[in-house]
Amino acid sequence: MVFYVAVLVGLSFGFTLLLQYLMAYFNISVERFASTAYLLVFGVTLASNAAILVPVYIHVSIMMAVAKMMMEVSPWGFVLVALVASVAGALGEITGYYAGYFGKRIVRLENAPGYDRLVAWMKKYGPWGIFLISVQPILPVDIAGLLAGASKLAVWKFLLPCWAGKFAKYLLACYLGPALWSLLPLPPL
Protein backbone atom coordinates (compact mmCIF):
# COMPACT_ATOMS: atom_id res chain seq x y z
CA MET A 1 0.00 0.00 0.00
CA VAL A 2 2.84 2.39 0.82
CA PHE A 3 4.44 1.66 -2.55
CA TYR A 4 1.12 2.35 -4.29
CA VAL A 5 0.78 5.72 -2.53
CA ALA A 6 4.40 6.58 -3.38
CA VAL A 7 3.75 5.79 -7.04
CA LEU A 8 0.60 7.94 -6.94
CA VAL A 9 2.48 10.89 -5.45
CA GLY A 10 5.28 10.46 -7.99
CA LEU A 11 2.79 10.37 -10.86
CA SER A 12 1.03 13.44 -9.54
CA PHE A 13 4.17 15.53 -9.34
CA GLY A 14 5.59 14.12 -12.57
CA PHE A 15 2.41 14.84 -14.48
CA THR A 16 2.29 18.38 -13.13
CA LEU A 17 5.91 19.02 -14.11
CA LEU A 18 5.35 17.57 -17.59
CA LEU A 19 2.23 19.65 -18.12
CA GLN A 20 3.98 22.83 -16.98
CA TYR A 21 6.93 22.09 -19.26
CA LEU A 22 4.71 21.45 -22.28
CA MET A 23 2.67 24.59 -21.63
CA ALA A 24 5.86 26.68 -21.36
CA TYR A 25 7.41 25.04 -24.45
CA PHE A 26 4.35 25.54 -26.66
CA ASN A 27 3.51 28.91 -25.05
CA ILE A 28 -0.01 27.92 -24.00
CA SER A 29 -1.68 30.16 -21.45
CA VAL A 30 -3.54 28.65 -18.53
CA GLU A 31 -6.68 30.66 -19.37
CA ARG A 32 -6.95 28.96 -22.78
CA PHE A 33 -6.52 25.56 -21.19
CA ALA A 34 -9.09 25.99 -18.38
CA SER A 35 -12.28 24.64 -19.98
CA THR A 36 -10.48 21.64 -21.44
CA ALA A 37 -8.81 20.95 -18.10
CA TYR A 38 -12.15 20.86 -16.26
CA LEU A 39 -13.55 18.53 -18.92
CA LEU A 40 -10.48 16.30 -18.60
CA VAL A 41 -10.87 16.17 -14.80
CA PHE A 42 -14.56 15.30 -15.16
CA GLY A 43 -14.03 12.55 -17.74
CA VAL A 44 -11.05 10.87 -16.09
CA THR A 45 -12.63 11.02 -12.62
CA LEU A 46 -15.91 9.60 -13.93
CA ALA A 47 -14.13 6.72 -15.68
CA SER A 48 -11.86 6.04 -12.68
CA ASN A 49 -14.74 5.89 -10.22
CA ALA A 50 -16.87 3.74 -12.53
CA ALA A 51 -14.41 0.86 -12.13
CA ILE A 52 -15.88 -1.54 -9.59
CA LEU A 53 -13.53 -2.89 -6.90
CA VAL A 54 -10.45 -1.99 -8.95
CA PRO A 55 -8.61 0.94 -7.37
CA VAL A 56 -7.83 3.39 -10.15
CA TYR A 57 -6.36 6.54 -8.61
CA ILE A 58 -4.82 8.20 -11.66
CA HIS A 59 -7.59 10.82 -11.53
CA VAL A 60 -6.07 12.20 -8.32
CA SER A 61 -2.80 13.06 -10.05
CA ILE A 62 -4.62 14.75 -12.93
CA MET A 63 -6.85 16.60 -10.49
CA MET A 64 -3.88 17.88 -8.48
CA ALA A 65 -2.05 18.99 -11.63
CA VAL A 66 -5.07 20.91 -12.90
CA ALA A 67 -5.65 22.42 -9.44
CA LYS A 68 -2.09 23.75 -9.42
CA MET A 69 -2.59 25.38 -12.80
CA MET A 70 -6.01 26.79 -11.94
CA MET A 71 -4.62 28.39 -8.77
CA GLU A 72 -2.49 30.57 -11.07
CA VAL A 73 -5.69 31.90 -12.67
CA SER A 74 -7.73 32.27 -9.49
CA PRO A 75 -6.89 31.64 -5.83
CA TRP A 76 -10.10 29.60 -5.60
CA GLY A 77 -9.45 27.51 -8.71
CA PHE A 78 -8.80 24.40 -6.64
CA VAL A 79 -12.36 24.57 -5.24
CA LEU A 80 -13.84 24.39 -8.74
CA VAL A 81 -11.56 21.49 -9.65
CA ALA A 82 -12.63 19.64 -6.49
CA LEU A 83 -16.30 20.39 -7.24
CA VAL A 84 -16.06 19.07 -10.81
CA ALA A 85 -14.14 15.99 -9.68
CA SER A 86 -16.53 15.23 -6.81
CA VAL A 87 -19.61 15.43 -9.05
CA ALA A 88 -17.95 13.11 -11.57
CA GLY A 89 -16.75 10.79 -8.80
CA ALA A 90 -20.20 10.47 -7.25
CA LEU A 91 -21.77 9.82 -10.66
CA GLY A 92 -19.12 7.21 -11.37
CA GLU A 93 -19.96 5.38 -8.16
CA ILE A 94 -23.46 4.70 -9.50
CA THR A 95 -22.01 1.60 -11.18
CA GLY A 96 -21.26 0.08 -7.78
CA TYR A 97 -24.71 1.01 -6.50
CA TYR A 98 -26.48 -0.64 -9.43
CA ALA A 99 -24.18 -3.65 -9.31
CA GLY A 100 -25.39 -4.19 -5.74
CA TYR A 101 -28.99 -3.38 -6.64
CA PHE A 102 -29.26 -5.73 -9.64
CA GLY A 103 -26.47 -8.12 -8.69
CA LYS A 104 -28.52 -9.50 -5.84
CA ARG A 105 -30.70 -11.19 -8.43
CA ILE A 106 -27.74 -12.77 -10.19
CA VAL A 107 -25.66 -13.85 -7.20
CA ARG A 108 -27.36 -15.16 -4.07
CA LEU A 109 -25.63 -13.02 -1.46
CA GLU A 110 -28.00 -13.88 1.36
CA ASN A 111 -25.98 -17.00 2.23
CA ALA A 112 -22.60 -15.23 2.21
CA PRO A 113 -20.96 -14.97 5.63
CA GLY A 114 -21.43 -11.54 7.18
CA TYR A 115 -23.90 -10.37 4.53
CA ASP A 116 -26.78 -9.84 6.97
CA ARG A 117 -24.52 -7.90 9.34
CA LEU A 118 -23.29 -5.59 6.57
CA VAL A 119 -26.79 -4.92 5.25
CA ALA A 120 -28.01 -4.22 8.81
CA TRP A 121 -25.09 -1.80 9.25
CA MET A 122 -26.02 -0.03 6.00
CA LYS A 123 -29.67 0.22 7.02
CA LYS A 124 -28.72 1.51 10.47
CA TYR A 125 -26.13 4.12 9.46
CA GLY A 126 -27.13 4.61 5.81
CA PRO A 127 -26.01 8.00 4.51
CA TRP A 128 -23.59 8.62 7.39
CA GLY A 129 -21.82 5.37 6.65
CA ILE A 130 -21.59 6.24 2.97
CA PHE A 131 -20.18 9.66 3.82
CA LEU A 132 -17.53 8.16 6.12
CA ILE A 133 -16.50 5.56 3.56
CA SER A 134 -16.29 8.13 0.75
CA VAL A 135 -14.30 10.69 2.76
CA GLN A 136 -11.52 8.29 3.76
CA PRO A 137 -8.87 7.35 1.16
CA ILE A 138 -8.27 3.65 1.98
CA LEU A 139 -11.48 1.64 1.40
CA PRO A 140 -13.01 1.80 -2.07
CA VAL A 141 -16.40 3.51 -2.13
CA ASP A 142 -17.63 0.62 -4.27
CA ILE A 143 -18.14 -1.34 -1.05
CA ALA A 144 -20.61 1.30 0.15
CA GLY A 145 -22.25 1.36 -3.26
CA LEU A 146 -22.66 -2.40 -3.38
CA LEU A 147 -24.11 -2.45 0.14
CA ALA A 148 -26.41 0.50 -0.51
CA GLY A 149 -27.70 -1.11 -3.68
CA ALA A 150 -28.12 -4.52 -2.09
CA SER A 151 -30.03 -3.02 0.84
CA LYS A 152 -32.25 -1.04 -1.58
CA LEU A 153 -31.25 2.35 -0.18
CA ALA A 154 -32.71 5.20 -2.26
CA VAL A 155 -30.30 6.37 -4.93
CA TRP A 156 -30.34 9.98 -3.69
CA LYS A 157 -29.49 8.78 -0.18
CA PHE A 158 -26.41 7.19 -1.72
CA LEU A 159 -25.38 9.97 -4.14
CA LEU A 160 -25.65 12.95 -1.82
CA PRO A 161 -23.39 11.67 0.99
CA CYS A 162 -21.06 10.10 -1.56
CA TRP A 163 -20.67 13.48 -3.27
CA ALA A 164 -20.18 15.29 0.07
CA GLY A 165 -17.47 12.88 1.18
CA LYS A 166 -15.69 12.99 -2.17
CA PHE A 167 -15.87 16.79 -2.23
CA ALA A 168 -14.19 17.04 1.17
CA LYS A 169 -11.52 14.50 0.18
CA TYR A 170 -10.84 16.07 -3.23
CA LEU A 171 -10.82 19.58 -1.79
CA LEU A 172 -8.08 18.56 0.60
CA ALA A 173 -6.13 16.85 -2.21
CA CYS A 174 -6.49 19.85 -4.54
CA TYR A 175 -5.38 22.27 -1.84
CA LEU A 176 -2.51 20.27 -0.37
CA GLY A 177 -1.21 18.88 -3.68
CA PRO A 178 -0.06 22.24 -5.09
CA ALA A 179 1.06 23.37 -1.63
CA LEU A 180 3.32 20.32 -1.33
CA TRP A 181 4.51 20.91 -4.88
CA SER A 182 5.68 24.42 -4.01
CA LEU A 183 7.80 23.05 -1.15
CA LEU A 184 9.92 20.93 -3.49
CA PRO A 185 13.24 22.45 -4.59
CA LEU A 186 12.75 22.13 -8.36
CA PRO A 187 14.53 24.13 -11.05
CA PRO A 188 12.40 26.81 -12.74
CA LEU A 189 10.94 26.01 -16.13
C-alpha atoms as a PDB file:
ATOM      1  CA  MET A   1       0.000   0.000   0.000  1.00  0.00           C
ATOM      2  CA  VAL A   2       2.845   2.391   0.823  1.00  0.00           C
ATOM      3  CA  PHE A   3       4.440   1.657  -2.554  1.00  0.00           C
ATOM      4  CA  TYR A   4       1.124   2.350  -4.293  1.00  0.00           C
ATOM      5  CA  VAL A   5       0.778   5.715  -2.533  1.00  0.00           C
ATOM      6  CA  ALA A   6       4.403   6.583  -3.377  1.00  0.00           C
ATOM      7  CA  VAL A   7       3.751   5.793  -7.041  1.00  0.00           C
ATOM      8  CA  LEU A   8       0.603   7.940  -6.942  1.00  0.00           C
ATOM      9  CA  VAL A   9       2.481  10.889  -5.453  1.00  0.00           C
ATOM     10  CA  GLY A  10       5.280  10.457  -7.987  1.00  0.00           C
ATOM     11  CA  LEU A  11       2.786  10.367 -10.857  1.00  0.00           C
ATOM     12  CA  SER A  12       1.033  13.442  -9.536  1.00  0.00           C
ATOM     13  CA  PHE A  13       4.172  15.532  -9.344  1.00  0.00           C
ATOM     14  CA  GLY A  14       5.594  14.120 -12.565  1.00  0.00           C
ATOM     15  CA  PHE A  15       2.409  14.845 -14.483  1.00  0.00           C
ATOM     16  CA  THR A  16       2.294  18.384 -13.125  1.00  0.00           C
ATOM     17  CA  LEU A  17       5.906  19.020 -14.106  1.00  0.00           C
ATOM     18  CA  LEU A  18       5.345  17.565 -17.590  1.00  0.00           C
ATOM     19  CA  LEU A  19       2.226  19.651 -18.121  1.00  0.00           C
ATOM     20  CA  GLN A  20       3.983  22.827 -16.982  1.00  0.00           C
ATOM     21  CA  TYR A  21       6.933  22.090 -19.260  1.00  0.00           C
ATOM     22  CA  LEU A  22       4.712  21.453 -22.285  1.00  0.00           C
ATOM     23  CA  MET A  23       2.674  24.592 -21.628  1.00  0.00           C
ATOM     24  CA  ALA A  24       5.858  26.682 -21.363  1.00  0.00           C
ATOM     25  CA  TYR A  25       7.409  25.037 -24.445  1.00  0.00           C
ATOM     26  CA  PHE A  26       4.346  25.539 -26.656  1.00  0.00           C
ATOM     27  CA  ASN A  27       3.510  28.912 -25.052  1.00  0.00           C
ATOM     28  CA  ILE A  28      -0.011  27.915 -23.999  1.00  0.00           C
ATOM     29  CA  SER A  29      -1.683  30.158 -21.451  1.00  0.00           C
ATOM     30  CA  VAL A  30      -3.541  28.649 -18.529  1.00  0.00           C
ATOM     31  CA  GLU A  31      -6.684  30.657 -19.366  1.00  0.00           C
ATOM     32  CA  ARG A  32      -6.955  28.965 -22.782  1.00  0.00           C
ATOM     33  CA  PHE A  33      -6.518  25.562 -21.187  1.00  0.00           C
ATOM     34  CA  ALA A  34      -9.094  25.986 -18.382  1.00  0.00           C
ATOM     35  CA  SER A  35     -12.282  24.642 -19.980  1.00  0.00           C
ATOM     36  CA  THR A  36     -10.479  21.640 -21.443  1.00  0.00           C
ATOM     37  CA  ALA A  37      -8.814  20.954 -18.100  1.00  0.00           C
ATOM     38  CA  TYR A  38     -12.155  20.859 -16.264  1.00  0.00           C
ATOM     39  CA  LEU A  39     -13.551  18.535 -18.924  1.00  0.00           C
ATOM     40  CA  LEU A  40     -10.484  16.304 -18.598  1.00  0.00           C
ATOM     41  CA  VAL A  41     -10.867  16.172 -14.804  1.00  0.00           C
ATOM     42  CA  PHE A  42     -14.558  15.301 -15.158  1.00  0.00           C
ATOM     43  CA  GLY A  43     -14.029  12.555 -17.742  1.00  0.00           C
ATOM     44  CA  VAL A  44     -11.054  10.871 -16.089  1.00  0.00           C
ATOM     45  CA  THR A  45     -12.632  11.016 -12.617  1.00  0.00           C
ATOM     46  CA  LEU A  46     -15.913   9.602 -13.933  1.00  0.00           C
ATOM     47  CA  ALA A  47     -14.131   6.720 -15.675  1.00  0.00           C
ATOM     48  CA  SER A  48     -11.859   6.037 -12.681  1.00  0.00           C
ATOM     49  CA  ASN A  49     -14.742   5.889 -10.224  1.00  0.00           C
ATOM     50  CA  ALA A  50     -16.869   3.739 -12.531  1.00  0.00           C
ATOM     51  CA  ALA A  51     -14.408   0.858 -12.131  1.00  0.00           C
ATOM     52  CA  ILE A  52     -15.885  -1.540  -9.591  1.00  0.00           C
ATOM     53  CA  LEU A  53     -13.529  -2.890  -6.901  1.00  0.00           C
ATOM     54  CA  VAL A  54     -10.454  -1.987  -8.952  1.00  0.00           C
ATOM     55  CA  PRO A  55      -8.614   0.939  -7.366  1.00  0.00           C
ATOM     56  CA  VAL A  56      -7.834   3.391 -10.147  1.00  0.00           C
ATOM     57  CA  TYR A  57      -6.362   6.540  -8.606  1.00  0.00           C
ATOM     58  CA  ILE A  58      -4.819   8.204 -11.659  1.00  0.00           C
ATOM     59  CA  HIS A  59      -7.590  10.821 -11.527  1.00  0.00           C
ATOM     60  CA  VAL A  60      -6.071  12.201  -8.316  1.00  0.00           C
ATOM     61  CA  SER A  61      -2.798  13.064 -10.053  1.00  0.00           C
ATOM     62  CA  ILE A  62      -4.616  14.753 -12.928  1.00  0.00           C
ATOM     63  CA  MET A  63      -6.855  16.597 -10.488  1.00  0.00           C
ATOM     64  CA  MET A  64      -3.878  17.880  -8.483  1.00  0.00           C
ATOM     65  CA  ALA A  65      -2.050  18.989 -11.634  1.00  0.00           C
ATOM     66  CA  VAL A  66      -5.070  20.911 -12.899  1.00  0.00           C
ATOM     67  CA  ALA A  67      -5.650  22.424  -9.436  1.00  0.00           C
ATOM     68  CA  LYS A  68      -2.088  23.745  -9.419  1.00  0.00           C
ATOM     69  CA  MET A  69      -2.588  25.380 -12.802  1.00  0.00           C
ATOM     70  CA  MET A  70      -6.007  26.789 -11.935  1.00  0.00           C
ATOM     71  CA  MET A  71      -4.618  28.395  -8.769  1.00  0.00           C
ATOM     72  CA  GLU A  72      -2.493  30.567 -11.073  1.00  0.00           C
ATOM     73  CA  VAL A  73      -5.688  31.895 -12.673  1.00  0.00           C
ATOM     74  CA  SER A  74      -7.727  32.271  -9.486  1.00  0.00           C
ATOM     75  CA  PRO A  75      -6.892  31.645  -5.828  1.00  0.00           C
ATOM     76  CA  TRP A  76     -10.099  29.601  -5.596  1.00  0.00           C
ATOM     77  CA  GLY A  77      -9.452  27.505  -8.707  1.00  0.00           C
ATOM     78  CA  PHE A  78      -8.795  24.400  -6.639  1.00  0.00           C
ATOM     79  CA  VAL A  79     -12.356  24.568  -5.242  1.00  0.00           C
ATOM     80  CA  LEU A  80     -13.843  24.394  -8.737  1.00  0.00           C
ATOM     81  CA  VAL A  81     -11.556  21.494  -9.649  1.00  0.00           C
ATOM     82  CA  ALA A  82     -12.634  19.644  -6.486  1.00  0.00           C
ATOM     83  CA  LEU A  83     -16.297  20.387  -7.245  1.00  0.00           C
ATOM     84  CA  VAL A  84     -16.061  19.073 -10.814  1.00  0.00           C
ATOM     85  CA  ALA A  85     -14.138  15.991  -9.677  1.00  0.00           C
ATOM     86  CA  SER A  86     -16.531  15.228  -6.805  1.00  0.00           C
ATOM     87  CA  VAL A  87     -19.609  15.427  -9.047  1.00  0.00           C
ATOM     88  CA  ALA A  88     -17.951  13.109 -11.571  1.00  0.00           C
ATOM     89  CA  GLY A  89     -16.752  10.792  -8.804  1.00  0.00           C
ATOM     90  CA  ALA A  90     -20.200  10.473  -7.255  1.00  0.00           C
ATOM     91  CA  LEU A  91     -21.769   9.822 -10.658  1.00  0.00           C
ATOM     92  CA  GLY A  92     -19.118   7.205 -11.369  1.00  0.00           C
ATOM     93  CA  GLU A  93     -19.956   5.379  -8.159  1.00  0.00           C
ATOM     94  CA  ILE A  94     -23.463   4.700  -9.502  1.00  0.00           C
ATOM     95  CA  THR A  95     -22.013   1.597 -11.179  1.00  0.00           C
ATOM     96  CA  GLY A  96     -21.255   0.085  -7.776  1.00  0.00           C
ATOM     97  CA  TYR A  97     -24.707   1.007  -6.499  1.00  0.00           C
ATOM     98  CA  TYR A  98     -26.483  -0.638  -9.429  1.00  0.00           C
ATOM     99  CA  ALA A  99     -24.183  -3.651  -9.306  1.00  0.00           C
ATOM    100  CA  GLY A 100     -25.391  -4.187  -5.740  1.00  0.00           C
ATOM    101  CA  TYR A 101     -28.992  -3.383  -6.644  1.00  0.00           C
ATOM    102  CA  PHE A 102     -29.260  -5.727  -9.642  1.00  0.00           C
ATOM    103  CA  GLY A 103     -26.468  -8.118  -8.689  1.00  0.00           C
ATOM    104  CA  LYS A 104     -28.517  -9.495  -5.838  1.00  0.00           C
ATOM    105  CA  ARG A 105     -30.704 -11.186  -8.426  1.00  0.00           C
ATOM    106  CA  ILE A 106     -27.739 -12.775 -10.186  1.00  0.00           C
ATOM    107  CA  VAL A 107     -25.664 -13.852  -7.197  1.00  0.00           C
ATOM    108  CA  ARG A 108     -27.362 -15.160  -4.075  1.00  0.00           C
ATOM    109  CA  LEU A 109     -25.629 -13.023  -1.459  1.00  0.00           C
ATOM    110  CA  GLU A 110     -27.997 -13.884   1.362  1.00  0.00           C
ATOM    111  CA  ASN A 111     -25.979 -17.002   2.229  1.00  0.00           C
ATOM    112  CA  ALA A 112     -22.596 -15.231   2.206  1.00  0.00           C
ATOM    113  CA  PRO A 113     -20.957 -14.969   5.629  1.00  0.00           C
ATOM    114  CA  GLY A 114     -21.426 -11.538   7.179  1.00  0.00           C
ATOM    115  CA  TYR A 115     -23.903 -10.367   4.533  1.00  0.00           C
ATOM    116  CA  ASP A 116     -26.777  -9.840   6.971  1.00  0.00           C
ATOM    117  CA  ARG A 117     -24.520  -7.904   9.336  1.00  0.00           C
ATOM    118  CA  LEU A 118     -23.291  -5.586   6.566  1.00  0.00           C
ATOM    119  CA  VAL A 119     -26.793  -4.923   5.250  1.00  0.00           C
ATOM    120  CA  ALA A 120     -28.008  -4.219   8.806  1.00  0.00           C
ATOM    121  CA  TRP A 121     -25.093  -1.798   9.252  1.00  0.00           C
ATOM    122  CA  MET A 122     -26.023  -0.026   5.999  1.00  0.00           C
ATOM    123  CA  LYS A 123     -29.672   0.218   7.017  1.00  0.00           C
ATOM    124  CA  LYS A 124     -28.721   1.513  10.472  1.00  0.00           C
ATOM    125  CA  TYR A 125     -26.130   4.119   9.459  1.00  0.00           C
ATOM    126  CA  GLY A 126     -27.133   4.607   5.807  1.00  0.00           C
ATOM    127  CA  PRO A 127     -26.012   7.998   4.507  1.00  0.00           C
ATOM    128  CA  TRP A 128     -23.589   8.619   7.386  1.00  0.00           C
ATOM    129  CA  GLY A 129     -21.820   5.367   6.653  1.00  0.00           C
ATOM    130  CA  ILE A 130     -21.586   6.236   2.966  1.00  0.00           C
ATOM    131  CA  PHE A 131     -20.178   9.659   3.823  1.00  0.00           C
ATOM    132  CA  LEU A 132     -17.531   8.155   6.123  1.00  0.00           C
ATOM    133  CA  ILE A 133     -16.497   5.562   3.559  1.00  0.00           C
ATOM    134  CA  SER A 134     -16.287   8.128   0.752  1.00  0.00           C
ATOM    135  CA  VAL A 135     -14.301  10.694   2.759  1.00  0.00           C
ATOM    136  CA  GLN A 136     -11.522   8.289   3.757  1.00  0.00           C
ATOM    137  CA  PRO A 137      -8.867   7.347   1.163  1.00  0.00           C
ATOM    138  CA  ILE A 138      -8.274   3.655   1.978  1.00  0.00           C
ATOM    139  CA  LEU A 139     -11.478   1.640   1.401  1.00  0.00           C
ATOM    140  CA  PRO A 140     -13.010   1.804  -2.066  1.00  0.00           C
ATOM    141  CA  VAL A 141     -16.400   3.514  -2.130  1.00  0.00           C
ATOM    142  CA  ASP A 142     -17.625   0.619  -4.266  1.00  0.00           C
ATOM    143  CA  ILE A 143     -18.144  -1.339  -1.048  1.00  0.00           C
ATOM    144  CA  ALA A 144     -20.611   1.296   0.155  1.00  0.00           C
ATOM    145  CA  GLY A 145     -22.254   1.358  -3.264  1.00  0.00           C
ATOM    146  CA  LEU A 146     -22.660  -2.402  -3.379  1.00  0.00           C
ATOM    147  CA  LEU A 147     -24.107  -2.447   0.140  1.00  0.00           C
ATOM    148  CA  ALA A 148     -26.407   0.503  -0.505  1.00  0.00           C
ATOM    149  CA  GLY A 149     -27.697  -1.106  -3.683  1.00  0.00           C
ATOM    150  CA  ALA A 150     -28.125  -4.522  -2.092  1.00  0.00           C
ATOM    151  CA  SER A 151     -30.027  -3.024   0.836  1.00  0.00           C
ATOM    152  CA  LYS A 152     -32.247  -1.043  -1.584  1.00  0.00           C
ATOM    153  CA  LEU A 153     -31.247   2.352  -0.178  1.00  0.00           C
ATOM    154  CA  ALA A 154     -32.714   5.198  -2.259  1.00  0.00           C
ATOM    155  CA  VAL A 155     -30.299   6.373  -4.928  1.00  0.00           C
ATOM    156  CA  TRP A 156     -30.338   9.984  -3.690  1.00  0.00           C
ATOM    157  CA  LYS A 157     -29.489   8.780  -0.180  1.00  0.00           C
ATOM    158  CA  PHE A 158     -26.407   7.191  -1.723  1.00  0.00           C
ATOM    159  CA  LEU A 159     -25.379   9.972  -4.141  1.00  0.00           C
ATOM    160  CA  LEU A 160     -25.646  12.953  -1.818  1.00  0.00           C
ATOM    161  CA  PRO A 161     -23.392  11.668   0.995  1.00  0.00           C
ATOM    162  CA  CYS A 162     -21.061  10.099  -1.558  1.00  0.00           C
ATOM    163  CA  TRP A 163     -20.672  13.483  -3.267  1.00  0.00           C
ATOM    164  CA  ALA A 164     -20.183  15.292   0.072  1.00  0.00           C
ATOM    165  CA  GLY A 165     -17.471  12.883   1.180  1.00  0.00           C
ATOM    166  CA  LYS A 166     -15.693  12.990  -2.166  1.00  0.00           C
ATOM    167  CA  PHE A 167     -15.872  16.794  -2.232  1.00  0.00           C
ATOM    168  CA  ALA A 168     -14.192  17.040   1.171  1.00  0.00           C
ATOM    169  CA  LYS A 169     -11.523  14.499   0.181  1.00  0.00           C
ATOM    170  CA  TYR A 170     -10.841  16.069  -3.226  1.00  0.00           C
ATOM    171  CA  LEU A 171     -10.822  19.579  -1.788  1.00  0.00           C
ATOM    172  CA  LEU A 172      -8.078  18.558   0.596  1.00  0.00           C
ATOM    173  CA  ALA A 173      -6.125  16.854  -2.214  1.00  0.00           C
ATOM    174  CA  CYS A 174      -6.493  19.850  -4.544  1.00  0.00           C
ATOM    175  CA  TYR A 175      -5.382  22.265  -1.842  1.00  0.00           C
ATOM    176  CA  LEU A 176      -2.511  20.269  -0.366  1.00  0.00           C
ATOM    177  CA  GLY A 177      -1.205  18.875  -3.675  1.00  0.00           C
ATOM    178  CA  PRO A 178      -0.062  22.237  -5.091  1.00  0.00           C
ATOM    179  CA  ALA A 179       1.061  23.368  -1.630  1.00  0.00           C
ATOM    180  CA  LEU A 180       3.322  20.318  -1.333  1.00  0.00           C
ATOM    181  CA  TRP A 181       4.510  20.906  -4.883  1.00  0.00           C
ATOM    182  CA  SER A 182       5.677  24.418  -4.014  1.00  0.00           C
ATOM    183  CA  LEU A 183       7.804  23.048  -1.145  1.00  0.00           C
ATOM    184  CA  LEU A 184       9.919  20.930  -3.486  1.00  0.00           C
ATOM    185  CA  PRO A 185      13.238  22.452  -4.589  1.00  0.00           C
ATOM    186  CA  LEU A 186      12.752  22.132  -8.357  1.00  0.00           C
ATOM    187  CA  PRO A 187      14.527  24.128 -11.053  1.00  0.00           C
ATOM    188  CA  PRO A 188      12.398  26.806 -12.742  1.00  0.00           C
ATOM    189  CA  LEU A 189      10.940  26.014 -16.133  1.00  0.00           C
END
